Amino acid sequence: MKKLSALDWIALILIVVGGLNWGLVGLFRFNLVEAIFGGAPVIERIIYVLVGLSALYTIFILGKLGKK
Protein backbone atom coordinates (compact mmCIF):
# COMPACT_ATOMS: atom_id res chain seq x y z
CA MET A 1 0.00 0.00 0.00
CA LYS A 2 1.22 3.48 -0.87
CA LYS A 3 2.21 5.72 2.05
CA LEU A 4 0.46 9.06 2.30
CA SER A 5 2.52 12.21 1.86
CA ALA A 6 2.33 15.24 4.13
CA LEU A 7 0.07 16.97 1.58
CA ASP A 8 -2.24 13.93 1.57
CA TRP A 9 -2.52 14.08 5.36
CA ILE A 10 -3.20 17.83 5.36
CA ALA A 11 -5.96 17.37 2.79
CA LEU A 12 -7.54 14.56 4.80
CA ILE A 13 -7.40 16.57 8.02
CA LEU A 14 -9.02 19.56 6.33
CA ILE A 15 -11.80 17.33 5.00
CA VAL A 16 -12.43 15.93 8.47
CA VAL A 17 -12.54 19.46 9.93
CA GLY A 18 -14.93 20.52 7.16
CA GLY A 19 -17.15 17.49 7.72
CA LEU A 20 -17.29 18.09 11.46
CA ASN A 21 -18.10 21.75 10.87
CA TRP A 22 -21.01 20.84 8.55
CA GLY A 23 -22.22 18.30 11.10
CA LEU A 24 -22.26 21.00 13.77
CA VAL A 25 -24.08 23.38 11.42
CA GLY A 26 -26.68 20.73 10.58
CA LEU A 27 -27.28 19.54 14.12
CA PHE A 28 -26.88 22.68 16.21
CA ARG A 29 -26.71 25.60 13.75
CA PHE A 30 -23.21 26.24 15.11
CA ASN A 31 -20.51 27.17 12.61
CA LEU A 32 -17.15 26.42 14.22
CA VAL A 33 -15.15 28.21 11.53
CA GLU A 34 -17.25 31.34 11.98
CA ALA A 35 -16.93 31.08 15.77
CA ILE A 36 -13.14 30.88 15.55
CA PHE A 37 -12.56 33.39 12.74
CA GLY A 38 -15.77 35.46 13.03
CA GLY A 39 -13.88 38.73 13.04
CA ALA A 40 -12.09 37.93 9.80
CA PRO A 41 -14.45 36.93 6.97
CA VAL A 42 -11.54 36.78 4.51
CA ILE A 43 -9.86 34.08 6.61
CA GLU A 44 -13.18 32.18 6.81
CA ARG A 45 -13.41 32.17 3.00
CA ILE A 46 -9.82 31.00 2.71
CA ILE A 47 -10.58 28.11 5.09
CA TYR A 48 -13.66 27.14 3.06
CA VAL A 49 -11.66 27.27 -0.19
CA LEU A 50 -8.90 25.12 1.32
CA VAL A 51 -11.46 22.55 2.47
CA GLY A 52 -13.00 22.47 -1.01
CA LEU A 53 -9.61 22.11 -2.69
CA SER A 54 -8.76 19.36 -0.23
CA ALA A 55 -11.90 17.49 -1.25
CA LEU A 56 -10.91 17.70 -4.91
CA TYR A 57 -7.39 16.60 -4.10
CA THR A 58 -8.69 13.67 -2.07
CA ILE A 59 -10.72 12.48 -5.06
CA PHE A 60 -7.38 12.32 -6.90
CA ILE A 61 -5.76 10.45 -3.99
CA LEU A 62 -8.56 7.88 -3.96
CA GLY A 63 -8.08 7.37 -7.68
CA LYS A 64 -4.37 6.72 -7.16
CA LEU A 65 -4.96 4.34 -4.26
CA GLY A 66 -7.68 2.49 -6.16
CA LYS A 67 -5.30 1.64 -9.00
CA LYS A 68 -2.86 -0.18 -6.72
C-alpha atoms as a PDB file:
ATOM      1  CA  MET A   1       0.000   0.000   0.000  1.00  0.00           C
ATOM      2  CA  LYS A   2       1.224   3.481  -0.869  1.00  0.00           C
ATOM      3  CA  LYS A   3       2.206   5.720   2.046  1.00  0.00           C
ATOM      4  CA  LEU A   4       0.462   9.060   2.297  1.00  0.00           C
ATOM      5  CA  SER A   5       2.518  12.208   1.858  1.00  0.00           C
ATOM      6  CA  ALA A   6       2.330  15.244   4.128  1.00  0.00           C
ATOM      7  CA  LEU A   7       0.070  16.972   1.577  1.00  0.00           C
ATOM      8  CA  ASP A   8      -2.235  13.929   1.568  1.00  0.00           C
ATOM      9  CA  TRP A   9      -2.522  14.075   5.362  1.00  0.00           C
ATOM     10  CA  ILE A  10      -3.195  17.825   5.362  1.00  0.00           C
ATOM     11  CA  ALA A  11      -5.956  17.366   2.790  1.00  0.00           C
ATOM     12  CA  LEU A  12      -7.538  14.561   4.795  1.00  0.00           C
ATOM     13  CA  ILE A  13      -7.401  16.567   8.022  1.00  0.00           C
ATOM     14  CA  LEU A  14      -9.024  19.562   6.333  1.00  0.00           C
ATOM     15  CA  ILE A  15     -11.803  17.331   5.002  1.00  0.00           C
ATOM     16  CA  VAL A  16     -12.434  15.930   8.474  1.00  0.00           C
ATOM     17  CA  VAL A  17     -12.538  19.461   9.927  1.00  0.00           C
ATOM     18  CA  GLY A  18     -14.933  20.525   7.159  1.00  0.00           C
ATOM     19  CA  GLY A  19     -17.153  17.492   7.720  1.00  0.00           C
ATOM     20  CA  LEU A  20     -17.285  18.087  11.456  1.00  0.00           C
ATOM     21  CA  ASN A  21     -18.102  21.747  10.867  1.00  0.00           C
ATOM     22  CA  TRP A  22     -21.006  20.840   8.551  1.00  0.00           C
ATOM     23  CA  GLY A  23     -22.222  18.300  11.101  1.00  0.00           C
ATOM     24  CA  LEU A  24     -22.261  20.996  13.770  1.00  0.00           C
ATOM     25  CA  VAL A  25     -24.080  23.375  11.419  1.00  0.00           C
ATOM     26  CA  GLY A  26     -26.684  20.734  10.575  1.00  0.00           C
ATOM     27  CA  LEU A  27     -27.284  19.545  14.119  1.00  0.00           C
ATOM     28  CA  PHE A  28     -26.882  22.676  16.206  1.00  0.00           C
ATOM     29  CA  ARG A  29     -26.706  25.599  13.750  1.00  0.00           C
ATOM     30  CA  PHE A  30     -23.214  26.241  15.106  1.00  0.00           C
ATOM     31  CA  ASN A  31     -20.514  27.167  12.606  1.00  0.00           C
ATOM     32  CA  LEU A  32     -17.151  26.424  14.225  1.00  0.00           C
ATOM     33  CA  VAL A  33     -15.145  28.210  11.525  1.00  0.00           C
ATOM     34  CA  GLU A  34     -17.249  31.340  11.978  1.00  0.00           C
ATOM     35  CA  ALA A  35     -16.933  31.076  15.770  1.00  0.00           C
ATOM     36  CA  ILE A  36     -13.142  30.878  15.553  1.00  0.00           C
ATOM     37  CA  PHE A  37     -12.556  33.388  12.741  1.00  0.00           C
ATOM     38  CA  GLY A  38     -15.765  35.457  13.031  1.00  0.00           C
ATOM     39  CA  GLY A  39     -13.883  38.729  13.041  1.00  0.00           C
ATOM     40  CA  ALA A  40     -12.093  37.926   9.797  1.00  0.00           C
ATOM     41  CA  PRO A  41     -14.447  36.928   6.965  1.00  0.00           C
ATOM     42  CA  VAL A  42     -11.538  36.783   4.509  1.00  0.00           C
ATOM     43  CA  ILE A  43      -9.859  34.084   6.606  1.00  0.00           C
ATOM     44  CA  GLU A  44     -13.179  32.185   6.806  1.00  0.00           C
ATOM     45  CA  ARG A  45     -13.414  32.173   3.004  1.00  0.00           C
ATOM     46  CA  ILE A  46      -9.817  30.996   2.710  1.00  0.00           C
ATOM     47  CA  ILE A  47     -10.578  28.106   5.095  1.00  0.00           C
ATOM     48  CA  TYR A  48     -13.658  27.137   3.060  1.00  0.00           C
ATOM     49  CA  VAL A  49     -11.663  27.267  -0.190  1.00  0.00           C
ATOM     50  CA  LEU A  50      -8.898  25.123   1.323  1.00  0.00           C
ATOM     51  CA  VAL A  51     -11.462  22.547   2.474  1.00  0.00           C
ATOM     52  CA  GLY A  52     -12.999  22.474  -1.013  1.00  0.00           C
ATOM     53  CA  LEU A  53      -9.608  22.109  -2.689  1.00  0.00           C
ATOM     54  CA  SER A  54      -8.763  19.357  -0.229  1.00  0.00           C
ATOM     55  CA  ALA A  55     -11.902  17.486  -1.249  1.00  0.00           C
ATOM     56  CA  LEU A  56     -10.914  17.701  -4.911  1.00  0.00           C
ATOM     57  CA  TYR A  57      -7.386  16.600  -4.103  1.00  0.00           C
ATOM     58  CA  THR A  58      -8.693  13.668  -2.070  1.00  0.00           C
ATOM     59  CA  ILE A  59     -10.717  12.483  -5.063  1.00  0.00           C
ATOM     60  CA  PHE A  60      -7.381  12.322  -6.898  1.00  0.00           C
ATOM     61  CA  ILE A  61      -5.762  10.448  -3.990  1.00  0.00           C
ATOM     62  CA  LEU A  62      -8.564   7.881  -3.961  1.00  0.00           C
ATOM     63  CA  GLY A  63      -8.083   7.373  -7.679  1.00  0.00           C
ATOM     64  CA  LYS A  64      -4.369   6.719  -7.156  1.00  0.00           C
ATOM     65  CA  LEU A  65      -4.959   4.339  -4.260  1.00  0.00           C
ATOM     66  CA  GLY A  66      -7.677   2.494  -6.158  1.00  0.00           C
ATOM     67  CA  LYS A  67      -5.296   1.640  -9.001  1.00  0.00           C
ATOM     68  CA  LYS A  68      -2.861  -0.175  -6.715  1.00  0.00           C
END
